[in-house]
Amino acid sequence: MYYYDMAQWLEYTQSALNDGKTYWPTWKVVDWDDDMWVYDTNNPTDLFTWESGDEVSYVFKDWDGTVLKQGKVKEGTKPTAPADPTRAATAQYTYTFAWWNPEVAKITKKTVYTATYTATVNNYTVTIAVDPVAWGSVSSNSVTVPYGTAISAEDNVLTIGETEITATAETGYGFSSWGTLPATVTETLTITATFQVEWYTVTFTPRDETNNQEWGWTISPTTAQAPIGTLLYLNGSDNINAEIRSGDPDLDPDAQLLMSITPTANTGYHNDGWYYYNESTQEWECEYSVFLPITGNMQVRCYFIQNQ
């Protein structure tokens, strides 16, 4: 029901006739849509109400102001809302239509309805991959978390929100990297734990009959870096180099010589053989023409003796 606003009165006229009746003014009022409404009555109790049959306007708008429907209905009538609108999802939210604001009901003045939506934070799955797959594993292969969840890593531990994922290398391999990580989860993504071949150090030292280096023989180089799976070849014959190979050449025609370690004896002395420290027996051992698999750091000695 409309009530007159003094600010909306544009003009009025009043006349009195000598016929025993009193005539009330005709008021001209401007509606919100700038439509001219005219009211005329002889009943003073109805002076400030619209007559039945007057119309009021309505507008239904989407959240961004887009007009979805507009029109007019008789005063005191409930307008018919359009079909529930939809709102495009963002990376962060999915929207579901909730209600019209204000609630759709009978109206007595121009009414603007705005679509209201419920926003739900999107969840995303982060897949944890392994490369190469035979070199290591991870404690979890995936985790589903809300948009904006923090991502961080320290060494082989990846943290996504409240979840910690540990990368574990197989024997002979080491954890390398999680790659370049985003600060937060904003989409479905894959994080890869990469592993690398573990390299071990083989140390070579010269020794004489008294197990020291006083006689001054040399070995070059004194250390070698070798990946797991390679072989250390030791030949006990006189003045034979030690070798690091990619495989046993008798079994693998493609086996390559990766490094040669050369012992050098002073005049009057010669190489009496290579000895390696056996971690299992915790003893120094010497074998002729032996291929030893490199599975960890190793110590090797070359013994020199005087010529007879």
C-alpha atoms as a PDB file:
ATOM      1  CA  MET A   1       0.000   0.000   0.000  1.00  0.00           C
ATOM      2  CA  TYR A   2       1.376   3.402  -0.991  1.00  0.00           C
ATOM      3  CA  TYR A   3       1.435   6.351   1.339  1.00  0.00           C
ATOM      4  CA  TYR A   4       1.859   9.802  -0.099  1.00  0.00           C
ATOM      5  CA  ASP A   5       5.217  11.459   0.259  1.00  0.00           C
ATOM      6  CA  MET A   6       5.138  15.222   0.354  1.00  0.00           C
ATOM      7  CA  ALA A   7       8.199  15.273  -1.826  1.00  0.00           C
ATOM      8  CA  GLN A   8       6.229  13.455  -4.488  1.00  0.00           C
ATOM      9  CA  TRP A   9       3.264  15.767  -4.666  1.00  0.00           C
ATOM     10  CA  LEU A  10       3.524  17.653  -7.915  1.00  0.00           C
ATOM     11  CA  GLU A  11       0.315  19.609  -7.950  1.00  0.00           C
ATOM     12  CA  TYR A  12      -3.253  19.451  -6.874  1.00  0.00           C
ATOM     13  CA  THR A  13      -6.564  21.109  -7.696  1.00  0.00           C
ATOM     14  CA  GLN A  14      -9.590  21.548  -5.497  1.00  0.00           C
ATOM     15  CA  SER A  15     -13.121  22.728  -6.406  1.00  0.00           C
ATOM     16  CA  ALA A  16     -16.301  23.198  -4.393  1.00  0.00           C
ATOM     17  CA  LEU A  17     -19.739  23.200  -5.894  1.00  0.00           C
ATOM     18  CA  ASN A  18     -22.901  24.474  -4.270  1.00  0.00           C
ATOM     19  CA  ASP A  19     -24.704  21.186  -4.524  1.00  0.00           C
ATOM     20  CA  GLY A  20     -24.365  20.158  -0.879  1.00  0.00           C
ATOM     21  CA  LYS A  21     -21.301  17.989  -1.444  1.00  0.00           C
ATOM     22  CA  THR A  22     -17.643  18.469  -0.632  1.00  0.00           C
ATOM     23  CA  TYR A  23     -15.118  17.391  -3.254  1.00  0.00           C
ATOM     24  CA  TRP A  24     -11.662  16.256  -2.233  1.00  0.00           C
ATOM     25  CA  PRO A  25      -8.642  17.193  -4.318  1.00  0.00           C
ATOM     26  CA  THR A  26      -7.257  15.186  -7.184  1.00  0.00           C
ATOM     27  CA  TRP A  27      -3.634  14.381  -6.379  1.00  0.00           C
ATOM     28  CA  LYS A  28      -0.987  13.661  -8.932  1.00  0.00           C
ATOM     29  CA  VAL A  29       1.827  11.492  -7.618  1.00  0.00           C
ATOM     30  CA  VAL A  30       5.062  10.366  -9.339  1.00  0.00           C
ATOM     31  CA  ASP A  31       5.841   6.654  -9.002  1.00  0.00           C
ATOM     32  CA  TRP A  32       9.433   5.324  -8.672  1.00  0.00           C
ATOM     33  CA  ASP A  33       9.424   4.609 -12.399  1.00  0.00           C
ATOM     34  CA  ASP A  34       8.338   8.161 -13.109  1.00  0.00           C
ATOM     35  CA  ASP A  35       4.887   6.918 -14.115  1.00  0.00           C
ATOM     36  CA  MET A  36       2.090   9.376 -13.350  1.00  0.00           C
ATOM     37  CA  TRP A  37      -0.473   7.971 -10.916  1.00  0.00           C
ATOM     38  CA  VAL A  38      -3.790   9.757 -10.422  1.00  0.00           C
ATOM     39  CA  TYR A  39      -5.965   9.337  -7.364  1.00  0.00           C
ATOM     40  CA  ASP A  40      -9.451  10.796  -6.944  1.00  0.00           C
ATOM     41  CA  THR A  41     -11.888  10.069  -4.136  1.00  0.00           C
ATOM     42  CA  ASN A  42     -14.693  11.635  -2.174  1.00  0.00           C
ATOM     43  CA  ASN A  43     -13.942   9.540   0.867  1.00  0.00           C
ATOM     44  CA  PRO A  44     -11.430  11.228   3.182  1.00  0.00           C
ATOM     45  CA  THR A  45     -10.559   7.928   4.874  1.00  0.00           C
ATOM     46  CA  ASP A  46      -9.181   6.596   1.598  1.00  0.00           C
ATOM     47  CA  LEU A  47      -7.356   9.752   0.695  1.00  0.00           C
ATOM     48  CA  PHE A  48      -3.903   8.242   1.305  1.00  0.00           C
ATOM     49  CA  THR A  49      -4.364   4.866  -0.378  1.00  0.00           C
ATOM     50  CA  TRP A  50      -4.215   3.744  -3.945  1.00  0.00           C
ATOM     51  CA  GLU A  51      -7.387   2.705  -5.595  1.00  0.00           C
ATOM     52  CA  SER A  52      -7.786  -0.970  -6.472  1.00  0.00           C
ATOM     53  CA  GLY A  53      -6.436  -1.510  -9.946  1.00  0.00           C
ATOM     54  CA  ASP A  54      -3.340   0.712  -9.646  1.00  0.00           C
ATOM     55  CA  GLU A  55      -0.069  -0.994 -10.683  1.00  0.00           C
ATOM     56  CA  VAL A  56       3.376  -1.165  -9.150  1.00  0.00           C
ATOM     57  CA  SER A  57       6.590  -2.206 -10.863  1.00  0.00           C
ATOM     58  CA  TYR A  58       9.119  -4.897  -9.979  1.00  0.00           C
ATOM     59  CA  VAL A  59      12.585  -5.898 -11.191  1.00  0.00           C
ATOM     60  CA  PHE A  60      14.464  -9.170 -10.721  1.00  0.00           C
ATOM     61  CA  LYS A  61      18.241  -8.773 -10.977  1.00  0.00           C
ATOM     62  CA  ASP A  62      21.132 -11.193 -10.877  1.00  0.00           C
ATOM     63  CA  TRP A  63      24.016 -10.763  -8.414  1.00  0.00           C
ATOM     64  CA  ASP A  64      25.928  -8.579 -10.885  1.00  0.00           C
ATOM     65  CA  GLY A  65      22.993  -6.276 -11.639  1.00  0.00           C
ATOM     66  CA  THR A  66      21.860  -8.008 -14.828  1.00  0.00           C
ATOM     67  CA  VAL A  67      18.094  -7.568 -15.226  1.00  0.00           C
ATOM     68  CA  LEU A  68      16.471 -10.984 -15.466  1.00  0.00           C
ATOM     69  CA  LYS A  69      12.825  -9.924 -15.478  1.00  0.00           C
ATOM     70  CA  GLN A  70      10.789  -6.780 -14.935  1.00  0.00           C
ATOM     71  CA  GLY A  71       7.166  -5.740 -15.166  1.00  0.00           C
ATOM     72  CA  LYS A  72       4.176  -4.494 -13.235  1.00  0.00           C
ATOM     73  CA  VAL A  73       1.457  -6.082 -11.131  1.00  0.00           C
ATOM     74  CA  LYS A  74      -1.584  -4.726  -9.382  1.00  0.00           C
ATOM     75  CA  GLU A  75      -0.860  -3.273  -6.002  1.00  0.00           C
ATOM     76  CA  GLY A  76      -1.013  -5.989  -3.355  1.00  0.00           C
ATOM     77  CA  THR A  77      -0.174  -8.707  -5.882  1.00  0.00           C
ATOM     78  CA  LYS A  78       2.794 -11.092  -5.689  1.00  0.00           C
ATOM     79  CA  PRO A  79       4.980 -10.964  -8.808  1.00  0.00           C
ATOM     80  CA  THR A  80       6.099 -14.205 -10.430  1.00  0.00           C
ATOM     81  CA  ALA A  81       9.829 -14.776 -10.113  1.00  0.00           C
ATOM     82  CA  PRO A  82      11.839 -15.961 -13.124  1.00  0.00           C
ATOM     83  CA  ALA A  83      13.444 -19.397 -13.189  1.00  0.00           C
ATOM     84  CA  ASP A  84      16.244 -19.765 -10.660  1.00  0.00           C
ATOM     85  CA  PRO A  85      19.326 -18.179 -12.207  1.00  0.00           C
ATOM     86  CA  THR A  86      22.779 -19.733 -12.269  1.00  0.00           C
ATOM     87  CA  ARG A  87      26.157 -18.216 -11.533  1.00  0.00           C
ATOM     88  CA  ALA A  88      29.347 -19.427 -13.168  1.00  0.00           C
ATOM     89  CA  ALA A  89      31.788 -21.131 -10.841  1.00  0.00           C
ATOM     90  CA  THR A  90      35.232 -19.669 -10.203  1.00  0.00           C
ATOM     91  CA  ALA A  91      38.418 -21.548  -9.373  1.00  0.00           C
ATOM     92  CA  GLN A  92      37.657 -20.938  -5.701  1.00  0.00           C
ATOM     93  CA  TYR A  93      33.868 -21.229  -5.452  1.00  0.00           C
ATOM     94  CA  THR A  94      30.864 -23.082  -6.845  1.00  0.00           C
ATOM     95  CA  TYR A  95      27.629 -21.089  -6.542  1.00  0.00           C
ATOM     96  CA  THR A  96      24.117 -22.362  -5.887  1.00  0.00           C
ATOM     97  CA  PHE A  97      21.059 -20.141  -6.075  1.00  0.00           C
ATOM     98  CA  ALA A  98      19.642 -19.656  -2.569  1.00  0.00           C
ATOM     99  CA  TRP A  99      16.817 -17.057  -2.543  1.00  0.00           C
ATOM    100  CA  TRP A 100      15.576 -13.711  -3.761  1.00  0.00           C
ATOM    101  CA  ASN A 101      16.344 -10.741  -1.587  1.00  0.00           C
ATOM    102  CA  PRO A 102      13.855  -9.564  -0.428  1.00  0.00           C
ATOM    103  CA  GLU A 103      11.549 -12.584  -0.306  1.00  0.00           C
ATOM    104  CA  VAL A 104       9.036 -12.589  -3.126  1.00  0.00           C
ATOM    105  CA  ALA A 105       5.680 -11.506  -1.649  1.00  0.00           C
ATOM    106  CA  LYS A 106       2.795  -9.143  -2.330  1.00  0.00           C
ATOM    107  CA  ILE A 107       4.077  -5.675  -3.114  1.00  0.00           C
ATOM    108  CA  THR A 108       2.668  -2.185  -2.725  1.00  0.00           C
ATOM    109  CA  LYS A 109       5.602  -0.255  -4.158  1.00  0.00           C
ATOM    110  CA  LYS A 110       8.307  -0.729  -6.694  1.00  0.00           C
ATOM    111  CA  THR A 111      10.448  -3.667  -5.536  1.00  0.00           C
ATOM    112  CA  VAL A 112      13.861  -4.768  -6.726  1.00  0.00           C
ATOM    113  CA  TYR A 113      14.763  -8.400  -6.088  1.00  0.00           C
ATOM    114  CA  THR A 114      18.372  -9.532  -6.156  1.00  0.00           C
ATOM    115  CA  ALA A 115      19.487 -13.134  -6.614  1.00  0.00           C
ATOM    116  CA  THR A 116      21.438 -14.454  -3.641  1.00  0.00           C
ATOM    117  CA  TYR A 117      23.793 -17.435  -3.924  1.00  0.00           C
ATOM    118  CA  THR A 118      25.448 -19.863  -1.554  1.00  0.00           C
ATOM    119  CA  ALA A 119      29.197 -20.125  -2.214  1.00  0.00           C
ATOM    120  CA  THR A 120      30.911 -23.473  -1.654  1.00  0.00           C
ATOM    121  CA  VAL A 121      34.710 -23.673  -1.643  1.00  0.00           C
ATOM    122  CA  ASN A 122      35.940 -26.028  -4.377  1.00  0.00           C
ATOM    123  CA  ASN A 123      38.034 -29.085  -3.503  1.00  0.00           C
ATOM    124  CA  TYR A 124      40.923 -30.213  -5.666  1.00  0.00           C
ATOM    125  CA  THR A 125      42.859 -33.469  -5.838  1.00  0.00           C
ATOM    126  CA  VAL A 126      46.635 -33.308  -5.703  1.00  0.00           C
ATOM    127  CA  THR A 127      48.221 -36.436  -7.193  1.00  0.00           C
ATOM    128  CA  ILE A 128      51.642 -37.476  -5.897  1.00  0.00           C
ATOM    129  CA  ALA A 129      53.693 -39.211  -8.589  1.00  0.00           C
ATOM    130  CA  VAL A 130      57.077 -40.945  -8.479  1.00  0.00           C
ATOM    131  CA  ASP A 131      59.835 -40.716 -11.099  1.00  0.00           C
ATOM    132  CA  PRO A 132      61.324 -43.179 -11.824  1.00  0.00           C
ATOM    133  CA  VAL A 133      58.724 -45.453 -10.279  1.00  0.00           C
ATOM    134  CA  ALA A 134      61.235 -48.215  -9.489  1.00  0.00           C
ATOM    135  CA  TRP A 135      63.568 -45.944  -7.549  1.00  0.00           C
ATOM    136  CA  GLY A 136      61.321 -44.850  -4.711  1.00  0.00           C
ATOM    137  CA  SER A 137      57.840 -44.520  -3.248  1.00  0.00           C
ATOM    138  CA  VAL A 138      55.616 -42.011  -1.456  1.00  0.00           C
ATOM    139  CA  SER A 139      53.463 -42.503   1.622  1.00  0.00           C
ATOM    140  CA  SER A 140      50.335 -41.241  -0.157  1.00  0.00           C
ATOM    141  CA  ASN A 141      49.453 -41.089  -3.838  1.00  0.00           C
ATOM    142  CA  SER A 142      46.841 -38.337  -3.598  1.00  0.00           C
ATOM    143  CA  VAL A 143      45.138 -35.901  -1.258  1.00  0.00           C
ATOM    144  CA  THR A 144      41.963 -33.854  -1.760  1.00  0.00           C
ATOM    145  CA  VAL A 145      41.954 -30.410  -0.157  1.00  0.00           C
ATOM    146  CA  PRO A 146      40.058 -27.100  -0.444  1.00  0.00           C
ATOM    147  CA  TYR A 147      41.128 -24.252  -2.687  1.00  0.00           C
ATOM    148  CA  GLY A 148      43.854 -22.175  -1.081  1.00  0.00           C
ATOM    149  CA  THR A 149      45.428 -24.991   0.964  1.00  0.00           C
ATOM    150  CA  ALA A 150      49.115 -24.257   1.593  1.00  0.00           C
ATOM    151  CA  ILE A 151      51.880 -26.377   0.049  1.00  0.00           C
ATOM    152  CA  SER A 152      55.432 -26.634   1.393  1.00  0.00           C
ATOM    153  CA  ALA A 153      58.316 -29.088   1.426  1.00  0.00           C
ATOM    154  CA  GLU A 154      61.361 -29.767   3.548  1.00  0.00           C
ATOM    155  CA  ASP A 155      63.790 -32.353   2.231  1.00  0.00           C
ATOM    156  CA  ASN A 156      61.796 -35.497   1.403  1.00  0.00           C
ATOM    157  CA  VAL A 157      58.632 -34.444   3.312  1.00  0.00           C
ATOM    158  CA  LEU A 158      55.862 -32.708   1.386  1.00  0.00           C
ATOM    159  CA  THR A 159      53.183 -30.898   3.413  1.00  0.00           C
ATOM    160  CA  ILE A 160      49.767 -30.110   1.906  1.00  0.00           C
ATOM    161  CA  GLY A 161      47.555 -28.498   4.513  1.00  0.00           C
ATOM    162  CA  GLU A 162      47.571 -30.867   7.478  1.00  0.00           C
ATOM    163  CA  THR A 163      48.816 -33.855   5.457  1.00  0.00           C
ATOM    164  CA  GLU A 164      52.482 -34.871   5.395  1.00  0.00           C
ATOM    165  CA  ILE A 165      53.693 -37.082   2.546  1.00  0.00           C
ATOM    166  CA  THR A 166      57.084 -38.746   2.793  1.00  0.00           C
ATOM    167  CA  ALA A 167      59.193 -39.809  -0.175  1.00  0.00           C
ATOM    168  CA  THR A 168      61.354 -42.893   0.479  1.00  0.00           C
ATOM    169  CA  ALA A 169      64.138 -44.021  -1.836  1.00  0.00           C
ATOM    170  CA  GLU A 170      64.863 -47.651  -2.624  1.00  0.00           C
ATOM    171  CA  THR A 171      68.265 -49.048  -1.729  1.00  0.00           C
ATOM    172  CA  GLY A 172      70.941 -47.472  -3.879  1.00  0.00           C
ATOM    173  CA  TYR A 173      68.882 -44.422  -4.747  1.00  0.00           C
ATOM    174  CA  GLY A 174      68.303 -41.074  -3.128  1.00  0.00           C
ATOM    175  CA  PHE A 175      65.487 -38.544  -3.014  1.00  0.00           C
ATOM    176  CA  SER A 176      66.151 -35.675  -5.407  1.00  0.00           C
ATOM    177  CA  SER A 177      63.348 -33.098  -5.522  1.00  0.00           C
ATOM    178  CA  TRP A 178      59.616 -32.292  -5.380  1.00  0.00           C
ATOM    179  CA  GLY A 179      60.034 -29.963  -8.339  1.00  0.00           C
ATOM    180  CA  THR A 180      58.726 -26.401  -8.418  1.00  0.00           C
ATOM    181  CA  LEU A 181      55.822 -26.129  -5.982  1.00  0.00           C
ATOM    182  CA  PRO A 182      52.973 -23.599  -6.002  1.00  0.00           C
ATOM    183  CA  ALA A 183      52.360 -21.809  -2.709  1.00  0.00           C
ATOM    184  CA  THR A 184      48.742 -22.985  -2.533  1.00  0.00           C
ATOM    185  CA  VAL A 185      46.341 -25.386  -4.209  1.00  0.00           C
ATOM    186  CA  THR A 186      44.314 -23.534  -6.845  1.00  0.00           C
ATOM    187  CA  GLU A 187      43.554 -26.353  -9.277  1.00  0.00           C
ATOM    188  CA  THR A 188      43.903 -30.082  -9.834  1.00  0.00           C
ATOM    189  CA  LEU A 189      47.619 -30.770 -10.072  1.00  0.00           C
ATOM    190  CA  THR A 190      50.337 -33.390  -9.911  1.00  0.00           C
ATOM    191  CA  ILE A 191      53.446 -33.134  -7.748  1.00  0.00           C
ATOM    192  CA  THR A 192      56.261 -35.526  -8.608  1.00  0.00           C
ATOM    193  CA  ALA A 193      58.842 -36.919  -6.222  1.00  0.00           C
ATOM    194  CA  THR A 194      61.975 -37.505  -8.269  1.00  0.00           C
ATOM    195  CA  PHE A 195      64.753 -39.864  -7.289  1.00  0.00           C
ATOM    196  CA  GLN A 196      68.333 -40.214  -8.423  1.00  0.00           C
ATOM    197  CA  VAL A 197      70.951 -42.888  -8.441  1.00  0.00           C
ATOM    198  CA  GLU A 198      72.931 -42.829  -5.238  1.00  0.00           C
ATOM    199  CA  TRP A 199      76.617 -42.262  -5.877  1.00  0.00           C
ATOM    200  CA  TYR A 200      79.154 -43.831  -3.579  1.00  0.00           C
ATOM    201  CA  THR A 201      82.775 -43.033  -2.879  1.00  0.00           C
ATOM    202  CA  VAL A 202      85.482 -45.632  -3.401  1.00  0.00           C
ATOM    203  CA  THR A 203      88.703 -44.659  -1.592  1.00  0.00           C
ATOM    204  CA  PHE A 204      92.055 -46.031  -2.707  1.00  0.00           C
ATOM    205  CA  THR A 205      95.151 -45.933  -0.497  1.00  0.00           C
ATOM    206  CA  PRO A 206      98.672 -47.375  -0.951  1.00  0.00           C
ATOM    207  CA  ARG A 207     100.100 -49.624   1.731  1.00  0.00           C
ATOM    208  CA  ASP A 208     103.427 -51.366   2.269  1.00  0.00           C
ATOM    209  CA  GLU A 209     104.250 -54.560   4.123  1.00  0.00           C
ATOM    210  CA  THR A 210     103.920 -52.787   7.449  1.00  0.00           C
ATOM    211  CA  ASN A 211     100.518 -51.367   6.467  1.00  0.00           C
ATOM    212  CA  ASN A 212     101.667 -47.774   6.158  1.00  0.00           C
ATOM    213  CA  GLN A 213     102.658 -45.395   3.379  1.00  0.00           C
ATOM    214  CA  GLU A 214     106.231 -44.672   4.377  1.00  0.00           C
ATOM    215  CA  TRP A 215     107.651 -45.994   1.128  1.00  0.00           C
ATOM    216  CA  GLY A 216     105.886 -43.306  -0.868  1.00  0.00           C
ATOM    217  CA  TRP A 217     103.974 -45.167  -3.561  1.00  0.00           C
ATOM    218  CA  THR A 218     101.032 -43.480  -5.195  1.00  0.00           C
ATOM    219  CA  ILE A 219      97.586 -44.298  -6.549  1.00  0.00           C
ATOM    220  CA  SER A 220      95.735 -42.089  -8.981  1.00  0.00           C
ATOM    221  CA  PRO A 221      93.057 -41.130  -8.487  1.00  0.00           C
ATOM    222  CA  THR A 222      92.705 -41.683  -4.748  1.00  0.00           C
ATOM    223  CA  THR A 223      88.885 -41.536  -4.845  1.00  0.00           C
ATOM    224  CA  ALA A 224      86.223 -42.402  -7.375  1.00  0.00           C
ATOM    225  CA  GLN A 225      82.496 -41.663  -7.482  1.00  0.00           C
ATOM    226  CA  ALA A 226      80.416 -44.570  -8.700  1.00  0.00           C
ATOM    227  CA  PRO A 227      76.637 -45.134  -8.894  1.00  0.00           C
ATOM    228  CA  ILE A 228      74.950 -48.199  -7.518  1.00  0.00           C
ATOM    229  CA  GLY A 229      74.883 -51.083  -9.933  1.00  0.00           C
ATOM    230  CA  THR A 230      78.385 -50.480 -11.229  1.00  0.00           C
ATOM    231  CA  LEU A 231      81.208 -52.967 -10.561  1.00  0.00           C
ATOM    232  CA  LEU A 232      84.649 -52.556  -9.053  1.00  0.00           C
ATOM    233  CA  TYR A 233      87.089 -54.866 -10.788  1.00  0.00           C
ATOM    234  CA  LEU A 234      90.157 -55.831  -8.782  1.00  0.00           C
ATOM    235  CA  ASN A 235      92.934 -57.867 -10.333  1.00  0.00           C
ATOM    236  CA  GLY A 236      95.597 -59.115  -8.006  1.00  0.00           C
ATOM    237  CA  SER A 237      98.248 -59.541 -10.685  1.00  0.00           C
ATOM    238  CA  ASP A 238     101.283 -57.312 -10.613  1.00  0.00           C
ATOM    239  CA  ASN A 239     100.780 -53.674 -11.601  1.00  0.00           C
ATOM    240  CA  ILE A 240      97.263 -54.163 -12.910  1.00  0.00           C
ATOM    241  CA  ASN A 241      94.926 -51.196 -12.698  1.00  0.00           C
ATOM    242  CA  ALA A 242      91.733 -51.391 -10.735  1.00  0.00           C
ATOM    243  CA  GLU A 243      88.650 -50.575 -12.794  1.00  0.00           C
ATOM    244  CA  ILE A 244      85.096 -49.378 -12.364  1.00  0.00           C
ATOM    245  CA  ARG A 245      82.798 -50.794 -15.011  1.00  0.00           C
ATOM    246  CA  SER A 246      79.111 -50.500 -15.855  1.00  0.00           C
ATOM    247  CA  GLY A 247      78.846 -54.293 -15.856  1.00  0.00           C
ATOM    248  CA  ASP A 248      80.714 -57.554 -16.216  1.00  0.00           C
ATOM    249  CA  PRO A 249      82.107 -57.566 -19.766  1.00  0.00           C
ATOM    250  CA  ASP A 250      81.964 -61.361 -19.852  1.00  0.00           C
ATOM    251  CA  LEU A 251      78.216 -61.239 -19.307  1.00  0.00           C
ATOM    252  CA  ASP A 252      77.312 -57.900 -20.874  1.00  0.00           C
ATOM    253  CA  PRO A 253      78.909 -57.009 -24.218  1.00  0.00           C
ATOM    254  CA  ASP A 254      77.756 -53.414 -23.746  1.00  0.00           C
ATOM    255  CA  ALA A 255      79.495 -53.033 -20.374  1.00  0.00           C
ATOM    256  CA  GLN A 256      81.690 -49.942 -20.356  1.00  0.00           C
ATOM    257  CA  LEU A 257      84.914 -49.051 -18.614  1.00  0.00           C
ATOM    258  CA  LEU A 258      84.030 -45.985 -16.533  1.00  0.00           C
ATOM    259  CA  MET A 259      87.289 -45.374 -14.708  1.00  0.00           C
ATOM    260  CA  SER A 260      90.764 -46.845 -14.309  1.00  0.00           C
ATOM    261  CA  ILE A 261      92.714 -46.472 -11.058  1.00  0.00           C
ATOM    262  CA  THR A 262      96.473 -46.690 -11.560  1.00  0.00           C
ATOM    263  CA  PRO A 263      98.956 -47.771  -8.859  1.00  0.00           C
ATOM    264  CA  THR A 264     102.505 -46.481  -9.272  1.00  0.00           C
ATOM    265  CA  ALA A 265     105.425 -48.211  -7.549  1.00  0.00           C
ATOM    266  CA  ASN A 266     108.869 -46.819  -6.912  1.00  0.00           C
ATOM    267  CA  THR A 267     111.855 -48.471  -8.527  1.00  0.00           C
ATOM    268  CA  GLY A 268     112.508 -51.803  -6.902  1.00  0.00           C
ATOM    269  CA  TYR A 269     108.940 -52.319  -5.795  1.00  0.00           C
ATOM    270  CA  HIS A 270     105.804 -53.657  -7.346  1.00  0.00           C
ATOM    271  CA  ASN A 271     102.078 -53.998  -6.747  1.00  0.00           C
ATOM    272  CA  ASP A 272     101.307 -57.112  -4.762  1.00  0.00           C
ATOM    273  CA  GLY A 273      97.537 -56.939  -5.034  1.00  0.00           C
ATOM    274  CA  TRP A 274      94.332 -55.098  -4.216  1.00  0.00           C
ATOM    275  CA  TYR A 275      92.581 -55.561  -0.890  1.00  0.00           C
ATOM    276  CA  TYR A 276      89.079 -54.384  -0.120  1.00  0.00           C
ATOM    277  CA  TYR A 277      87.338 -53.969   3.212  1.00  0.00           C
ATOM    278  CA  ASN A 278      84.434 -56.367   3.539  1.00  0.00           C
ATOM    279  CA  GLU A 279      81.706 -54.630   5.569  1.00  0.00           C
ATOM    280  CA  SER A 280      79.985 -57.950   6.248  1.00  0.00           C
ATOM    281  CA  THR A 281      83.027 -59.682   7.757  1.00  0.00           C
ATOM    282  CA  GLN A 282      84.695 -56.426   8.794  1.00  0.00           C
ATOM    283  CA  GLU A 283      87.968 -57.761   7.441  1.00  0.00           C
ATOM    284  CA  TRP A 284      90.338 -56.879   4.621  1.00  0.00           C
ATOM    285  CA  GLU A 285      90.166 -59.415   1.850  1.00  0.00           C
ATOM    286  CA  CYS A 286      92.044 -60.035  -1.378  1.00  0.00           C
ATOM    287  CA  GLU A 287      90.687 -61.878  -4.366  1.00  0.00           C
ATOM    288  CA  TYR A 288      92.071 -62.197  -7.842  1.00  0.00           C
ATOM    289  CA  SER A 289      90.061 -61.030 -10.831  1.00  0.00           C
ATOM    290  CA  VAL A 290      86.968 -60.227  -8.803  1.00  0.00           C
ATOM    291  CA  PHE A 291      84.029 -57.999  -9.747  1.00  0.00           C
ATOM    292  CA  LEU A 292      82.562 -56.373  -6.634  1.00  0.00           C
ATOM    293  CA  PRO A 293      79.114 -54.710  -6.842  1.00  0.00           C
ATOM    294  CA  ILE A 294      79.223 -51.153  -5.561  1.00  0.00           C
ATOM    295  CA  THR A 295      76.373 -50.814  -3.067  1.00  0.00           C
ATOM    296  CA  GLY A 296      77.930 -48.299  -0.694  1.00  0.00           C
ATOM    297  CA  ASN A 297      81.105 -46.454   0.149  1.00  0.00           C
ATOM    298  CA  MET A 298      84.128 -48.720  -0.159  1.00  0.00           C
ATOM    299  CA  GLN A 299      87.757 -48.767   0.975  1.00  0.00           C
ATOM    300  CA  VAL A 300      90.431 -50.354  -1.202  1.00  0.00           C
ATOM    301  CA  ARG A 301      94.149 -50.747  -0.543  1.00  0.00           C
ATOM    302  CA  CYS A 302      96.944 -51.492  -2.952  1.00  0.00           C
ATOM    303  CA  TYR A 303      99.883 -53.264  -1.317  1.00  0.00           C
ATOM    304  CA  PHE A 304     103.422 -52.750  -2.592  1.00  0.00           C
ATOM    305  CA  ILE A 305     106.363 -55.013  -1.852  1.00  0.00           C
ATOM    306  CA  GLN A 306     110.038 -55.038  -2.745  1.00  0.00           C
ATOM    307  CA  ASN A 307     111.149 -56.914  -5.783  1.00  0.00           C
ATOM    308  CA  GLN A 308     112.948 -60.149  -4.977  1.00  0.00           C
END
